[in-house]
């Protein structure tokens, strides 16, 4: 479900509230995956898991670039000296760098993408550890 947000549905979310809700769904999916990994219920082929992790890390870098660009939008100039222009500039700035503004939401998305990559890598390590344990068990069994 949350991966669907990463593949395009995030763009159809309505405004900052919709993007925040989509981000919440991504975080929830990561929480579920973390529970499965920590319970030993999710182990992935290392090659596939590492390739997926690489993709999530590349996307996190792209999102980080966007977050940095959004942070630069915090100060809007050139709208004039009228009070209404100053209010409008302040609103733009708040949407760029305020709490739940674009830079904040993009930063949170970046963090969730990195978290997902880490979860994939952990599931690969668990797969290898389980495979090694089975190999050791089989070897002990054949020596007995």
C-alpha atoms as a PDB file:
ATOM      1  CA  UNK A   1       0.000   0.000   0.000  1.00  0.00           C
ATOM      2  CA  UNK A   2       2.613   2.540   1.036  1.00  0.00           C
ATOM      3  CA  UNK A   3       4.842   1.553  -1.876  1.00  0.00           C
ATOM      4  CA  UNK A   4       1.994   2.679  -4.091  1.00  0.00           C
ATOM      5  CA  UNK A   5       2.481   6.134  -2.619  1.00  0.00           C
ATOM      6  CA  UNK A   6       6.119   5.977  -3.656  1.00  0.00           C
ATOM      7  CA  UNK A   7       5.163   4.957  -7.171  1.00  0.00           C
ATOM      8  CA  UNK A   8       2.838   7.824  -7.869  1.00  0.00           C
ATOM      9  CA  UNK A   9      -0.098   8.037  -5.495  1.00  0.00           C
ATOM     10  CA  UNK A  10       1.807  10.478  -3.275  1.00  0.00           C
ATOM     11  CA  UNK A  11       1.464  12.947  -6.126  1.00  0.00           C
ATOM     12  CA  UNK A  12      -2.311  12.576  -6.061  1.00  0.00           C
ATOM     13  CA  UNK A  13      -2.513  13.334  -2.337  1.00  0.00           C
ATOM     14  CA  UNK A  14      -4.340  16.598  -1.744  1.00  0.00           C
ATOM     15  CA  UNK A  15      -2.088  19.295  -0.325  1.00  0.00           C
ATOM     16  CA  UNK A  16       0.195  19.066   2.650  1.00  0.00           C
ATOM     17  CA  UNK A  17      -2.393  17.184   4.718  1.00  0.00           C
ATOM     18  CA  UNK A  18      -2.689  14.521   2.040  1.00  0.00           C
ATOM     19  CA  UNK A  19       1.090  14.260   1.738  1.00  0.00           C
ATOM     20  CA  UNK A  20       1.342  13.946   5.521  1.00  0.00           C
ATOM     21  CA  UNK A  21      -1.247  11.160   5.500  1.00  0.00           C
ATOM     22  CA  UNK A  22       0.612   9.353   2.719  1.00  0.00           C
ATOM     23  CA  UNK A  23       3.825   9.705   4.687  1.00  0.00           C
ATOM     24  CA  UNK A  24       2.050   8.241   7.718  1.00  0.00           C
ATOM     25  CA  UNK A  25       1.071   5.216   5.633  1.00  0.00           C
ATOM     26  CA  UNK A  26       4.687   4.759   4.547  1.00  0.00           C
ATOM     27  CA  UNK A  27       5.877   4.980   8.160  1.00  0.00           C
ATOM     28  CA  UNK A  28       3.224   2.469   9.217  1.00  0.00           C
ATOM     29  CA  UNK A  29       4.338   0.029   6.526  1.00  0.00           C
ATOM     30  CA  UNK A  30       7.939   0.441   7.677  1.00  0.00           C
ATOM     31  CA  UNK A  31       6.824  -0.226  11.269  1.00  0.00           C
ATOM     32  CA  UNK A  32       5.138  -3.463  10.159  1.00  0.00           C
ATOM     33  CA  UNK A  33       8.195  -4.510   8.191  1.00  0.00           C
ATOM     34  CA  UNK A  34      10.448  -3.734  11.179  1.00  0.00           C
ATOM     35  CA  UNK A  35       8.278  -5.930  13.388  1.00  0.00           C
ATOM     36  CA  UNK A  36       8.507  -8.791  10.900  1.00  0.00           C
ATOM     37  CA  UNK A  37      12.281  -8.429  10.595  1.00  0.00           C
ATOM     38  CA  UNK A  38      12.818  -8.253  14.363  1.00  0.00           C
ATOM     39  CA  UNK A  39      10.563 -11.290  14.890  1.00  0.00           C
ATOM     40  CA  UNK A  40      12.584 -13.255  12.332  1.00  0.00           C
ATOM     41  CA  UNK A  41       9.548 -13.604  10.057  1.00  0.00           C
ATOM     42  CA  UNK A  42      11.031 -11.701   7.130  1.00  0.00           C
ATOM     43  CA  UNK A  43      14.239 -12.858   5.515  1.00  0.00           C
ATOM     44  CA  UNK A  44      15.105 -11.941   1.961  1.00  0.00           C
ATOM     45  CA  UNK A  45      17.530 -13.166  -0.631  1.00  0.00           C
ATOM     46  CA  UNK A  46      20.578 -10.939  -0.085  1.00  0.00           C
ATOM     47  CA  UNK A  47      21.008  -9.996  -3.747  1.00  0.00           C
ATOM     48  CA  UNK A  48      17.388  -8.935  -4.131  1.00  0.00           C
ATOM     49  CA  UNK A  49      17.282  -7.188  -0.746  1.00  0.00           C
ATOM     50  CA  UNK A  50      20.503  -5.272  -1.402  1.00  0.00           C
ATOM     51  CA  UNK A  51      19.328  -4.189  -4.859  1.00  0.00           C
ATOM     52  CA  UNK A  52      16.060  -2.943  -3.374  1.00  0.00           C
ATOM     53  CA  UNK A  53      17.967  -1.154  -0.603  1.00  0.00           C
ATOM     54  CA  UNK A  54      20.182   0.528  -3.201  1.00  0.00           C
ATOM     55  CA  UNK A  55      17.100   1.832  -5.014  1.00  0.00           C
ATOM     56  CA  UNK A  56      15.600   3.214  -1.798  1.00  0.00           C
ATOM     57  CA  UNK A  57      18.910   4.883  -0.917  1.00  0.00           C
ATOM     58  CA  UNK A  58      19.128   6.524  -4.368  1.00  0.00           C
ATOM     59  CA  UNK A  59      15.557   7.770  -4.023  1.00  0.00           C
ATOM     60  CA  UNK A  60      16.385   9.095  -0.536  1.00  0.00           C
ATOM     61  CA  UNK A  61      19.246  11.115  -2.043  1.00  0.00           C
ATOM     62  CA  UNK A  62      16.899  12.554  -4.663  1.00  0.00           C
ATOM     63  CA  UNK A  63      14.327  13.450  -2.012  1.00  0.00           C
ATOM     64  CA  UNK A  64      17.068  15.018   0.119  1.00  0.00           C
ATOM     65  CA  UNK A  65      17.991  17.259  -2.821  1.00  0.00           C
ATOM     66  CA  UNK A  66      14.336  18.304  -3.077  1.00  0.00           C
ATOM     67  CA  UNK A  67      14.152  18.959   0.678  1.00  0.00           C
ATOM     68  CA  UNK A  68      17.209  21.199   0.469  1.00  0.00           C
ATOM     69  CA  UNK A  69      15.715  23.079  -2.465  1.00  0.00           C
ATOM     70  CA  UNK A  70      12.431  23.504  -0.573  1.00  0.00           C
ATOM     71  CA  UNK A  71      14.301  24.822   2.462  1.00  0.00           C
ATOM     72  CA  UNK A  72      15.763  27.573   0.289  1.00  0.00           C
ATOM     73  CA  UNK A  73      12.234  28.747  -0.496  1.00  0.00           C
ATOM     74  CA  UNK A  74      11.720  29.855   3.092  1.00  0.00           C
ATOM     75  CA  UNK A  75      12.515  33.456   2.270  1.00  0.00           C
ATOM     76  CA  UNK A  76      10.483  34.911  -0.565  1.00  0.00           C
ATOM     77  CA  UNK A  77      11.488  38.324  -1.842  1.00  0.00           C
ATOM     78  CA  UNK A  78      10.176  40.575  -4.522  1.00  0.00           C
ATOM     79  CA  UNK A  79       6.482  40.609  -3.652  1.00  0.00           C
ATOM     80  CA  UNK A  80       6.614  44.218  -2.556  1.00  0.00           C
ATOM     81  CA  UNK A  81       6.426  46.242   0.630  1.00  0.00           C
ATOM     82  CA  UNK A  82       2.662  46.249   1.066  1.00  0.00           C
ATOM     83  CA  UNK A  83       1.345  44.490   4.133  1.00  0.00           C
ATOM     84  CA  UNK A  84      -0.605  41.990   2.025  1.00  0.00           C
ATOM     85  CA  UNK A  85       2.534  41.152   0.030  1.00  0.00           C
ATOM     86  CA  UNK A  86       4.481  40.582   3.245  1.00  0.00           C
ATOM     87  CA  UNK A  87       1.719  38.309   4.566  1.00  0.00           C
ATOM     88  CA  UNK A  88       1.737  36.346   1.325  1.00  0.00           C
ATOM     89  CA  UNK A  89       5.539  35.974   1.462  1.00  0.00           C
ATOM     90  CA  UNK A  90       5.270  34.745   5.058  1.00  0.00           C
ATOM     91  CA  UNK A  91       2.651  32.160   4.034  1.00  0.00           C
ATOM     92  CA  UNK A  92       4.885  30.908   1.223  1.00  0.00           C
ATOM     93  CA  UNK A  93       7.789  30.708   3.638  1.00  0.00           C
ATOM     94  CA  UNK A  94       5.714  28.759   6.168  1.00  0.00           C
ATOM     95  CA  UNK A  95       4.650  26.263   3.492  1.00  0.00           C
ATOM     96  CA  UNK A  96       8.280  25.801   2.510  1.00  0.00           C
ATOM     97  CA  UNK A  97      10.014  25.503   5.886  1.00  0.00           C
ATOM     98  CA  UNK A  98       7.343  25.499   8.585  1.00  0.00           C
ATOM     99  CA  UNK A  99       6.177  22.520  10.592  1.00  0.00           C
ATOM    100  CA  UNK A 100       4.688  20.056   8.087  1.00  0.00           C
ATOM    101  CA  UNK A 101       5.877  22.315   5.282  1.00  0.00           C
ATOM    102  CA  UNK A 102       7.404  20.915   2.129  1.00  0.00           C
ATOM    103  CA  UNK A 103      10.992  20.755   3.436  1.00  0.00           C
ATOM    104  CA  UNK A 104       9.832  19.037   6.635  1.00  0.00           C
ATOM    105  CA  UNK A 105       7.682  16.478   4.814  1.00  0.00           C
ATOM    106  CA  UNK A 106      10.415  15.759   2.282  1.00  0.00           C
ATOM    107  CA  UNK A 107      12.912  15.285   5.106  1.00  0.00           C
ATOM    108  CA  UNK A 108      10.583  12.804   6.786  1.00  0.00           C
ATOM    109  CA  UNK A 109      10.103  10.954   3.491  1.00  0.00           C
ATOM    110  CA  UNK A 110      13.885  10.789   3.057  1.00  0.00           C
ATOM    111  CA  UNK A 111      14.187   9.303   6.546  1.00  0.00           C
ATOM    112  CA  UNK A 112      11.533   6.664   5.812  1.00  0.00           C
ATOM    113  CA  UNK A 113      13.247   5.722   2.547  1.00  0.00           C
ATOM    114  CA  UNK A 114      16.546   5.255   4.385  1.00  0.00           C
ATOM    115  CA  UNK A 115      14.747   3.260   7.069  1.00  0.00           C
ATOM    116  CA  UNK A 116      13.241   0.997   4.400  1.00  0.00           C
ATOM    117  CA  UNK A 117      16.694   0.441   2.869  1.00  0.00           C
ATOM    118  CA  UNK A 118      18.057  -0.467   6.296  1.00  0.00           C
ATOM    119  CA  UNK A 119      15.207  -2.935   6.839  1.00  0.00           C
ATOM    120  CA  UNK A 120      15.941  -4.610   3.510  1.00  0.00           C
ATOM    121  CA  UNK A 121      19.619  -4.902   4.420  1.00  0.00           C
ATOM    122  CA  UNK A 122      18.750  -6.348   7.846  1.00  0.00           C
ATOM    123  CA  UNK A 123      16.454  -8.940   6.281  1.00  0.00           C
ATOM    124  CA  UNK A 124      19.330  -9.945   3.978  1.00  0.00           C
ATOM    125  CA  UNK A 125      21.658 -10.367   6.966  1.00  0.00           C
ATOM    126  CA  UNK A 126      19.044 -12.487   8.723  1.00  0.00           C
ATOM    127  CA  UNK A 127      18.728 -14.658   5.618  1.00  0.00           C
ATOM    128  CA  UNK A 128      22.486 -15.231   5.522  1.00  0.00           C
ATOM    129  CA  UNK A 129      22.634 -15.949   9.265  1.00  0.00           C
ATOM    130  CA  UNK A 130      19.803 -18.473   8.984  1.00  0.00           C
ATOM    131  CA  UNK A 131      21.420 -20.092   5.955  1.00  0.00           C
ATOM    132  CA  UNK A 132      24.733 -20.395   7.810  1.00  0.00           C
ATOM    133  CA  UNK A 133      22.996 -21.836  10.872  1.00  0.00           C
ATOM    134  CA  UNK A 134      21.237 -24.451   8.757  1.00  0.00           C
ATOM    135  CA  UNK A 135      24.546 -25.323   7.099  1.00  0.00           C
ATOM    136  CA  UNK A 136      26.226 -25.760  10.484  1.00  0.00           C
ATOM    137  CA  UNK A 137      23.336 -27.861  11.765  1.00  0.00           C
ATOM    138  CA  UNK A 138      23.464 -30.082   8.693  1.00  0.00           C
ATOM    139  CA  UNK A 139      27.212 -30.492   9.008  1.00  0.00           C
ATOM    140  CA  UNK A 140      26.928 -31.459  12.696  1.00  0.00           C
ATOM    141  CA  UNK A 141      24.166 -33.907  11.801  1.00  0.00           C
ATOM    142  CA  UNK A 142      26.256 -35.573   9.089  1.00  0.00           C
ATOM    143  CA  UNK A 143      29.240 -35.898  11.422  1.00  0.00           C
ATOM    144  CA  UNK A 144      27.223 -37.625  14.153  1.00  0.00           C
END
